[in-house]
PDB file of N, CA and C in Angstrom:
ATOM      1  N   GLN A   1     200.809  79.088-136.453  1.00  0.00           N
ATOM      2  CA  GLN A   1     201.235  79.239-135.145  1.00  0.00           C
ATOM      3  C   GLN A   1     202.374  80.234-134.785  1.00  0.00           C
ATOM      4  N   ARG A   2     202.347  81.270-133.712  1.00  0.00           N
ATOM      5  CA  ARG A   2     203.272  82.183-133.445  1.00  0.00           C
ATOM      6  C   ARG A   2     204.328  81.783-132.507  1.00  0.00           C
ATOM      7  N   GLU A   3     205.603  81.791-132.380  1.00  0.00           N
ATOM      8  CA  GLU A   3     206.302  81.714-131.182  1.00  0.00           C
ATOM      9  C   GLU A   3     206.840  82.986-130.693  1.00  0.00           C
ATOM     10  N   TYR A   4     206.960  82.907-129.533  1.00  0.00           N
ATOM     11  CA  TYR A   4     207.346  84.143-128.644  1.00  0.00           C
ATOM     12  C   TYR A   4     208.752  83.850-127.602  1.00  0.00           C
ATOM     13  N   SER A   5     209.414  84.723-127.860  1.00  0.00           N
ATOM     14  CA  SER A   5     210.750  84.490-127.022  1.00  0.00           C
ATOM     15  C   SER A   5     210.690  85.422-125.656  1.00  0.00           C
ATOM     16  N   LEU A   6     210.536  84.874-124.374  1.00  0.00           N
ATOM     17  CA  LEU A   6     210.603  85.889-123.477  1.00  0.00           C
ATOM     18  C   LEU A   6     212.422  86.289-123.231  1.00  0.00           C
ATOM     19  N   GLY A   7     213.136  85.692-123.601  1.00  0.00           N
ATOM     20  CA  GLY A   7     214.804  86.440-123.330  1.00  0.00           C
ATOM     21  C   GLY A   7     215.056  85.461-122.291  1.00  0.00           C
ATOM     22  N   GLU A   8     216.234  85.857-121.689  1.00  0.00           N
ATOM     23  CA  GLU A   8     216.923  85.226-120.442  1.00  0.00           C
ATOM     24  C   GLU A   8     215.797  85.581-119.170  1.00  0.00           C
ATOM     25  N   GLN A   9     215.668  84.468-118.753  1.00  0.00           N
ATOM     26  CA  GLN A   9     214.845  84.505-117.373  1.00  0.00           C
ATOM     27  C   GLN A   9     215.532  83.862-116.232  1.00  0.00           C
ATOM     28  N   VAL A  10     215.202  84.526-115.111  1.00  0.00           N
ATOM     29  CA  VAL A  10     216.020  84.251-113.786  1.00  0.00           C
ATOM     30  C   VAL A  10     214.909  83.696-112.821  1.00  0.00           C
ATOM     31  N   LYS A  11     215.567  83.051-111.771  1.00  0.00           N
ATOM     32  CA  LYS A  11     214.272  82.894-110.514  1.00  0.00           C
ATOM     33  C   LYS A  11     215.064  83.374-109.246  1.00  0.00           C
ATOM     34  N   ALA A  12     213.994  84.019-108.598  1.00  0.00           N
ATOM     35  CA  ALA A  12     214.899  84.915-107.545  1.00  0.00           C
ATOM     36  C   ALA A  12     213.833  84.618-106.450  1.00  0.00           C
ATOM     37  N   SER A  13     214.422  84.865-105.236  1.00  0.00           N
ATOM     38  CA  SER A  13     213.807  85.073-104.100  1.00  0.00           C
ATOM     39  C   SER A  13     214.665  86.213-103.311  1.00  0.00           C
ATOM     40  N   HIS A  14     213.692  86.894-102.246  1.00  0.00           N
ATOM     41  CA  HIS A  14     214.158  88.109-101.601  1.00  0.00           C
ATOM     42  C   HIS A  14     213.399  88.007-100.230  1.00  0.00           C
ATOM     43  N   ILE A  15     213.949  88.893 -99.433  1.00  0.00           N
ATOM     44  CA  ILE A  15     213.614  89.235 -98.324  1.00  0.00           C
ATOM     45  C   ILE A  15     213.282  90.616 -97.885  1.00  0.00           C
ATOM     46  N   LEU A  16     212.131  91.015 -98.116  1.00  0.00           N
ATOM     47  CA  LEU A  16     211.701  92.444 -98.047  1.00  0.00           C
ATOM     48  C   LEU A  16     211.701  92.631 -96.618  1.00  0.00           C
ATOM     49  N   ILE A  17     212.522  93.973 -96.092  1.00  0.00           N
ATOM     50  CA  ILE A  17     212.436  94.297 -94.759  1.00  0.00           C
ATOM     51  C   ILE A  17     211.665  95.683 -94.979  1.00  0.00           C
ATOM     52  N   LYS A  18     210.797  96.146 -94.610  1.00  0.00           N
ATOM     53  CA  LYS A  18     210.044  97.516 -94.403  1.00  0.00           C
ATOM     54  C   LYS A  18     210.691  98.306 -93.107  1.00  0.00           C
ATOM     55  N   TRP A  19     210.807  99.445 -93.036  1.00  0.00           N
ATOM     56  CA  TRP A  19     210.898 100.246 -91.992  1.00  0.00           C
ATOM     57  C   TRP A  19     209.367 101.058 -91.610  1.00  0.00           C
ATOM     58  N   ASP A  20     209.179 101.373 -90.612  1.00  0.00           N
ATOM     59  CA  ASP A  20     208.172 101.633 -89.698  1.00  0.00           C
ATOM     60  C   ASP A  20     207.678 103.117 -90.332  1.00  0.00           C
ATOM     61  N   ASP A  21     208.593 103.999 -90.476  1.00  0.00           N
ATOM     62  CA  ASP A  21     208.470 105.257 -91.089  1.00  0.00           C
ATOM     63  C   ASP A  21     209.628 105.763 -91.671  1.00  0.00           C
ATOM     64  N   GLU A  22     209.637 107.241 -92.005  1.00  0.00           N
ATOM     65  CA  GLU A  22     210.696 107.661 -92.804  1.00  0.00           C
ATOM     66  C   GLU A  22     211.895 108.169 -91.998  1.00  0.00           C
ATOM     67  N   SER A  23     211.782 108.092 -90.580  1.00  0.00           N
ATOM     68  CA  SER A  23     212.761 108.517 -89.554  1.00  0.00           C
ATOM     69  C   SER A  23     214.032 107.601 -89.907  1.00  0.00           C
ATOM     70  N   GLU A  24     215.378 108.274 -89.654  1.00  0.00           N
ATOM     71  CA  GLU A  24     216.365 107.723 -89.921  1.00  0.00           C
ATOM     72  C   GLU A  24     216.679 106.616 -88.701  1.00  0.00           C
ATOM     73  N   ALA A  25     215.771 106.834 -87.590  1.00  0.00           N
ATOM     74  CA  ALA A  25     216.107 105.678 -86.879  1.00  0.00           C
ATOM     75  C   ALA A  25     215.617 104.542 -87.142  1.00  0.00           C
ATOM     76  N   SER A  26     214.479 104.389 -87.802  1.00  0.00           N
ATOM     77  CA  SER A  26     213.736 103.505 -88.196  1.00  0.00           C
ATOM     78  C   SER A  26     214.138 102.850 -89.320  1.00  0.00           C
ATOM     79  N   LYS A  27     214.450 103.423 -90.253  1.00  0.00           N
ATOM     80  CA  LYS A  27     215.605 102.996 -91.297  1.00  0.00           C
ATOM     81  C   LYS A  27     216.813 102.187 -90.701  1.00  0.00           C
ATOM     82  N   LYS A  28     217.446 102.806 -89.728  1.00  0.00           N
ATOM     83  CA  LYS A  28     218.530 102.238 -89.302  1.00  0.00           C
ATOM     84  C   LYS A  28     218.320 100.929 -88.439  1.00  0.00           C
ATOM     85  N   ALA A  29     217.219 100.708 -87.950  1.00  0.00           N
ATOM     86  CA  ALA A  29     216.927  99.837 -87.250  1.00  0.00           C
ATOM     87  C   ALA A  29     216.494  98.317 -88.299  1.00  0.00           C
ATOM     88  N   ALA A  30     215.932  99.142 -89.821  1.00  0.00           N
ATOM     89  CA  ALA A  30     215.558  97.887 -90.778  1.00  0.00           C
ATOM     90  C   ALA A  30     216.761  97.341 -91.284  1.00  0.00           C
ATOM     91  N   LYS A  31     217.703  98.133 -91.416  1.00  0.00           N
ATOM     92  CA  LYS A  31     219.110  98.093 -91.852  1.00  0.00           C
ATOM     93  C   LYS A  31     219.877  96.855 -91.180  1.00  0.00           C
ATOM     94  N   GLU A  32     219.780  97.350 -89.730  1.00  0.00           N
ATOM     95  CA  GLU A  32     220.349  96.607 -88.796  1.00  0.00           C
ATOM     96  C   GLU A  32     219.829  95.002 -88.603  1.00  0.00           C
ATOM     97  N   LYS A  33     218.400  94.998 -88.805  1.00  0.00           N
ATOM     98  CA  LYS A  33     217.867  93.530 -89.020  1.00  0.00           C
ATOM     99  C   LYS A  33     218.105  93.059 -90.445  1.00  0.00           C
ATOM    100  N   ALA A  34     218.385  93.565 -91.279  1.00  0.00           N
ATOM    101  CA  ALA A  34     218.781  92.822 -92.376  1.00  0.00           C
ATOM    102  C   ALA A  34     219.882  92.491 -92.786  1.00  0.00           C
ATOM    103  N   LYS A  35     220.999  93.071 -92.011  1.00  0.00           N
ATOM    104  CA  LYS A  35     222.285  92.665 -91.781  1.00  0.00           C
ATOM    105  C   LYS A  35     222.488  91.424 -91.200  1.00  0.00           C
ATOM    106  N   LYS A  36     221.564  91.563 -89.774  1.00  0.00           N
ATOM    107  CA  LYS A  36     221.405  90.458 -88.942  1.00  0.00           C
ATOM    108  C   LYS A  36     221.025  88.973 -89.896  1.00  0.00           C
ATOM    109  N   ILE A  37     219.994  89.245 -90.584  1.00  0.00           N
ATOM    110  CA  ILE A  37     219.129  88.045 -91.467  1.00  0.00           C
ATOM    111  C   ILE A  37     220.545  87.527 -92.041  1.00  0.00           C
ATOM    112  N   LEU A  38     221.138  88.413 -92.960  1.00  0.00           N
ATOM    113  CA  LEU A  38     221.888  88.191 -93.939  1.00  0.00           C
ATOM    114  C   LEU A  38     223.303  87.112 -93.402  1.00  0.00           C
ATOM    115  N   ASN A  39     223.805  87.722 -92.332  1.00  0.00           N
ATOM    116  CA  ASN A  39     224.702  87.065 -91.452  1.00  0.00           C
ATOM    117  C   ASN A  39     224.509  85.718 -91.152  1.00  0.00           C
ATOM    118  N   ASP A  40     222.950  85.446 -90.367  1.00  0.00           N
ATOM    119  CA  ASP A  40     222.548  84.383 -89.956  1.00  0.00           C
ATOM    120  C   ASP A  40     222.578  83.228 -91.265  1.00  0.00           C
ATOM    121  N   ILE A  41     222.043  83.892 -92.500  1.00  0.00           N
ATOM    122  CA  ILE A  41     222.117  82.978 -93.842  1.00  0.00           C
ATOM    123  C   ILE A  41     223.424  82.698 -94.210  1.00  0.00           C
ATOM    124  N   LYS A  42     224.313  83.457 -94.291  1.00  0.00           N
ATOM    125  CA  LYS A  42     226.043  83.220 -94.422  1.00  0.00           C
ATOM    126  C   LYS A  42     226.497  82.117 -93.568  1.00  0.00           C
ATOM    127  N   GLY A  43     225.840  82.355 -92.327  1.00  0.00           N
ATOM    128  CA  GLY A  43     226.213  81.587 -91.523  1.00  0.00           C
ATOM    129  C   GLY A  43     225.448  80.003 -91.771  1.00  0.00           C
ATOM    130  N   GLY A  44     224.709  79.918 -92.455  1.00  0.00           N
ATOM    131  CA  GLY A  44     224.377  78.587 -92.673  1.00  0.00           C
ATOM    132  C   GLY A  44     222.595  78.440 -92.644  1.00  0.00           C
ATOM    133  N   ALA A  45     221.810  79.509 -92.076  1.00  0.00           N
ATOM    134  CA  ALA A  45     220.371  79.508 -91.798  1.00  0.00           C
ATOM    135  C   ALA A  45     220.081  79.123 -93.063  1.00  0.00           C
ATOM    136  N   ASP A  46     218.674  78.361 -93.259  1.00  0.00           N
ATOM    137  CA  ASP A  46     217.881  78.085 -94.437  1.00  0.00           C
ATOM    138  C   ASP A  46     216.975  80.001 -94.808  1.00  0.00           C
ATOM    139  N   PHE A  47     217.566  79.864 -95.833  1.00  0.00           N
ATOM    140  CA  PHE A  47     217.098  81.365 -96.344  1.00  0.00           C
ATOM    141  C   PHE A  47     215.346  81.385 -96.475  1.00  0.00           C
ATOM    142  N   ALA A  48     215.018  80.475 -97.161  1.00  0.00           N
ATOM    143  CA  ALA A  48     213.022  80.406 -96.906  1.00  0.00           C
ATOM    144  C   ALA A  48     212.920  80.310 -95.668  1.00  0.00           C
ATOM    145  N   ALA A  49     213.410  79.850 -94.572  1.00  0.00           N
ATOM    146  CA  ALA A  49     212.859  79.979 -93.378  1.00  0.00           C
ATOM    147  C   ALA A  49     212.944  81.267 -92.733  1.00  0.00           C
ATOM    148  N   LYS A  50     214.126  81.818 -92.972  1.00  0.00           N
ATOM    149  CA  LYS A  50     214.410  83.428 -92.639  1.00  0.00           C
ATOM    150  C   LYS A  50     213.277  84.305 -93.500  1.00  0.00           C
ATOM    151  N   ALA A  51     213.272  84.113 -94.698  1.00  0.00           N
ATOM    152  CA  ALA A  51     212.167  84.915 -95.002  1.00  0.00           C
ATOM    153  C   ALA A  51     210.597  84.532 -94.729  1.00  0.00           C
ATOM    154  N   ARG A  52     210.308  83.492 -94.660  1.00  0.00           N
ATOM    155  CA  ARG A  52     209.130  83.434 -93.870  1.00  0.00           C
ATOM    156  C   ARG A  52     209.210  83.836 -92.490  1.00  0.00           C
ATOM    157  N   GLU A  53     210.022  83.969 -91.520  1.00  0.00           N
ATOM    158  CA  GLU A  53     210.056  84.642 -90.355  1.00  0.00           C
ATOM    159  C   GLU A  53     210.087  85.962 -90.521  1.00  0.00           C
ATOM    160  N   PHE A  54     210.920  87.011 -91.279  1.00  0.00           N
ATOM    161  CA  PHE A  54     211.156  88.260 -91.319  1.00  0.00           C
ATOM    162  C   PHE A  54     210.689  88.833 -92.526  1.00  0.00           C
ATOM    163  N   GLY A  55     210.485  88.177 -93.641  1.00  0.00           N
ATOM    164  CA  GLY A  55     209.759  88.806 -94.752  1.00  0.00           C
ATOM    165  C   GLY A  55     208.387  89.697 -94.283  1.00  0.00           C
ATOM    166  N   THR A  56     208.394  91.086 -94.916  1.00  0.00           N
ATOM    167  CA  THR A  56     207.217  91.609 -94.777  1.00  0.00           C
ATOM    168  C   THR A  56     206.403  92.020 -95.955  1.00  0.00           C
ATOM    169  N   ASP A  57     206.551  91.225 -96.864  1.00  0.00           N
ATOM    170  CA  ASP A  57     205.743  91.452 -98.115  1.00  0.00           C
ATOM    171  C   ASP A  57     204.972  89.893 -98.396  1.00  0.00           C
ATOM    172  N   GLY A  58     204.386  89.983 -99.328  1.00  0.00           N
ATOM    173  CA  GLY A  58     203.622  88.633 -99.636  1.00  0.00           C
ATOM    174  C   GLY A  58     204.260  87.435-100.096  1.00  0.00           C
ATOM    175  N   THR A  59     205.810  87.706-100.341  1.00  0.00           N
ATOM    176  CA  THR A  59     206.444  86.814-100.792  1.00  0.00           C
ATOM    177  C   THR A  59     206.671  85.845 -99.386  1.00  0.00           C
ATOM    178  N   ALA A  60     206.492  86.257 -98.594  1.00  0.00           N
ATOM    179  CA  ALA A  60     206.982  85.576 -97.182  1.00  0.00           C
ATOM    180  C   ALA A  60     206.308  84.142 -96.998  1.00  0.00           C
ATOM    181  N   THR A  61     205.335  83.986 -97.058  1.00  0.00           N
ATOM    182  CA  THR A  61     204.630  82.351 -97.127  1.00  0.00           C
ATOM    183  C   THR A  61     205.278  81.941 -98.127  1.00  0.00           C
ATOM    184  N   ARG A  62     205.652  82.070 -99.302  1.00  0.00           N
ATOM    185  CA  ARG A  62     206.662  81.297 -99.775  1.00  0.00           C
ATOM    186  C   ARG A  62     207.965  81.125 -99.959  1.00  0.00           C
ATOM    187  N   GLY A  63     208.093  81.802 -98.542  1.00  0.00           N
ATOM    188  CA  GLY A  63     209.710  81.474 -98.685  1.00  0.00           C
ATOM    189  C   GLY A  63     210.592  82.446 -99.314  1.00  0.00           C
ATOM    190  N   GLY A  64     209.978  83.738 -99.661  1.00  0.00           N
ATOM    191  CA  GLY A  64     210.761  84.994-100.276  1.00  0.00           C
ATOM    192  C   GLY A  64     210.669  84.698-101.913  1.00  0.00           C
ATOM    193  N   ASP A  65     210.216  83.361-102.471  1.00  0.00           N
ATOM    194  CA  ASP A  65     210.176  83.333-103.980  1.00  0.00           C
ATOM    195  C   ASP A  65     209.531  83.969-104.831  1.00  0.00           C
ATOM    196  N   LEU A  66     209.866  84.588-105.609  1.00  0.00           N
ATOM    197  CA  LEU A  66     209.358  85.574-106.579  1.00  0.00           C
ATOM    198  C   LEU A  66     209.135  84.880-107.833  1.00  0.00           C
ATOM    199  N   GLY A  67     209.591  83.896-108.144  1.00  0.00           N
ATOM    200  CA  GLY A  67     209.337  82.967-109.255  1.00  0.00           C
ATOM    201  C   GLY A  67     210.392  83.716-110.458  1.00  0.00           C
ATOM    202  N   SER A  68     209.929  83.007-111.366  1.00  0.00           N
ATOM    203  CA  SER A  68     210.730  83.343-112.775  1.00  0.00           C
ATOM    204  C   SER A  68     210.294  84.746-113.371  1.00  0.00           C
ATOM    205  N   PHE A  69     211.082  85.307-113.787  1.00  0.00           N
ATOM    206  CA  PHE A  69     210.955  86.796-114.594  1.00  0.00           C
ATOM    207  C   PHE A  69     212.191  86.969-115.970  1.00  0.00           C
ATOM    208  N   SER A  70     211.916  87.916-116.431  1.00  0.00           N
ATOM    209  CA  SER A  70     212.736  88.265-117.483  1.00  0.00           C
ATOM    210  C   SER A  70     213.097  89.713-117.610  1.00  0.00           C
ATOM    211  N   THR A  71     213.962  90.093-118.135  1.00  0.00           N
ATOM    212  CA  THR A  71     214.232  91.666-117.924  1.00  0.00           C
ATOM    213  C   THR A  71     213.115  92.625-118.314  1.00  0.00           C
ATOM    214  N   GLY A  72     212.868  93.783-117.514  1.00  0.00           N
ATOM    215  CA  GLY A  72     211.464  94.654-117.704  1.00  0.00           C
ATOM    216  C   GLY A  72     210.473  94.296-116.810  1.00  0.00           C
ATOM    217  N   GLN A  73     210.524  93.585-116.007  1.00  0.00           N
ATOM    218  CA  GLN A  73     209.384  93.039-115.135  1.00  0.00           C
ATOM    219  C   GLN A  73     209.880  93.599-113.661  1.00  0.00           C
ATOM    220  N   MET A  74     210.713  93.774-113.255  1.00  0.00           N
ATOM    221  CA  MET A  74     210.938  94.288-111.982  1.00  0.00           C
ATOM    222  C   MET A  74     211.653  95.915-112.316  1.00  0.00           C
ATOM    223  N   VAL A  75     211.667  96.238-110.998  1.00  0.00           N
ATOM    224  CA  VAL A  75     212.448  98.073-110.942  1.00  0.00           C
ATOM    225  C   VAL A  75     213.835  97.481-111.166  1.00  0.00           C
ATOM    226  N   LYS A  76     214.343  98.551-111.945  1.00  0.00           N
ATOM    227  CA  LYS A  76     215.545  98.531-112.517  1.00  0.00           C
ATOM    228  C   LYS A  76     216.602  97.986-111.596  1.00  0.00           C
ATOM    229  N   PRO A  77     216.948  98.908-110.491  1.00  0.00           N
ATOM    230  CA  PRO A  77     217.983  98.426-109.544  1.00  0.00           C
ATOM    231  C   PRO A  77     217.890  96.897-109.194  1.00  0.00           C
ATOM    232  N   PHE A  78     216.570  96.476-108.788  1.00  0.00           N
ATOM    233  CA  PHE A  78     216.624  95.032-108.308  1.00  0.00           C
ATOM    234  C   PHE A  78     216.702  94.338-109.641  1.00  0.00           C
ATOM    235  N   GLU A  79     216.186  94.496-110.735  1.00  0.00           N
ATOM    236  CA  GLU A  79     216.586  93.903-112.183  1.00  0.00           C
ATOM    237  C   GLU A  79     217.939  93.881-112.356  1.00  0.00           C
ATOM    238  N   GLN A  80     218.744  94.563-112.277  1.00  0.00           N
ATOM    239  CA  GLN A  80     220.356  94.877-112.400  1.00  0.00           C
ATOM    240  C   GLN A  80     221.198  93.906-111.533  1.00  0.00           C
ATOM    241  N   ALA A  81     220.745  94.133-110.248  1.00  0.00           N
ATOM    242  CA  ALA A  81     221.231  93.205-109.102  1.00  0.00           C
ATOM    243  C   ALA A  81     221.048  91.592-109.473  1.00  0.00           C
ATOM    244  N   VAL A  82     219.921  91.260-109.608  1.00  0.00           N
ATOM    245  CA  VAL A  82     219.518  89.847-110.062  1.00  0.00           C
ATOM    246  C   VAL A  82     220.396  89.177-111.067  1.00  0.00           C
ATOM    247  N   PHE A  83     220.330  90.245-112.674  1.00  0.00           N
ATOM    248  CA  PHE A  83     220.784  89.401-113.714  1.00  0.00           C
ATOM    249  C   PHE A  83     222.371  89.599-113.532  1.00  0.00           C
ATOM    250  N   SER A  84     222.745  90.163-112.614  1.00  0.00           N
ATOM    251  CA  SER A  84     224.651  90.436-112.554  1.00  0.00           C
ATOM    252  C   SER A  84     225.011  89.552-111.479  1.00  0.00           C
ATOM    253  N   ALA A  85     223.959  88.922-110.987  1.00  0.00           N
ATOM    254  CA  ALA A  85     224.308  88.075-109.206  1.00  0.00           C
ATOM    255  C   ALA A  85     225.011  86.720-110.285  1.00  0.00           C
ATOM    256  N   LYS A  86     225.914  85.858-109.123  1.00  0.00           N
ATOM    257  CA  LYS A  86     226.346  84.451-109.363  1.00  0.00           C
ATOM    258  C   LYS A  86     224.968  83.763-109.550  1.00  0.00           C
ATOM    259  N   LYS A  87     225.418  83.072-110.378  1.00  0.00           N
ATOM    260  CA  LYS A  87     224.268  81.831-110.735  1.00  0.00           C
ATOM    261  C   LYS A  87     224.490  80.755-109.693  1.00  0.00           C
ATOM    262  N   THR A  88     223.244  80.191-108.964  1.00  0.00           N
ATOM    263  CA  THR A  88     223.317  79.205-108.042  1.00  0.00           C
ATOM    264  C   THR A  88     222.646  78.094-108.552  1.00  0.00           C
TER     265      THR A  88
END
């Protein structure tokens, strides 16, 4: 029997906010929306509820849940942010 090690794993959730087009106005509107959502969450709003309401990808229905993953499975900037974040 072989044993495999996946290394350190983390469980993460996110809220993906997409912009409508490549215009600066669209990007600015998406950034402002994301800031408002973040402020609401910092103020006590439920993260999963906000993800279901505002998320724009397939994780929205799961409250933004990405599940568990180890290094090498996500894009590098996201991976670096997740693995260096404070564990809760």
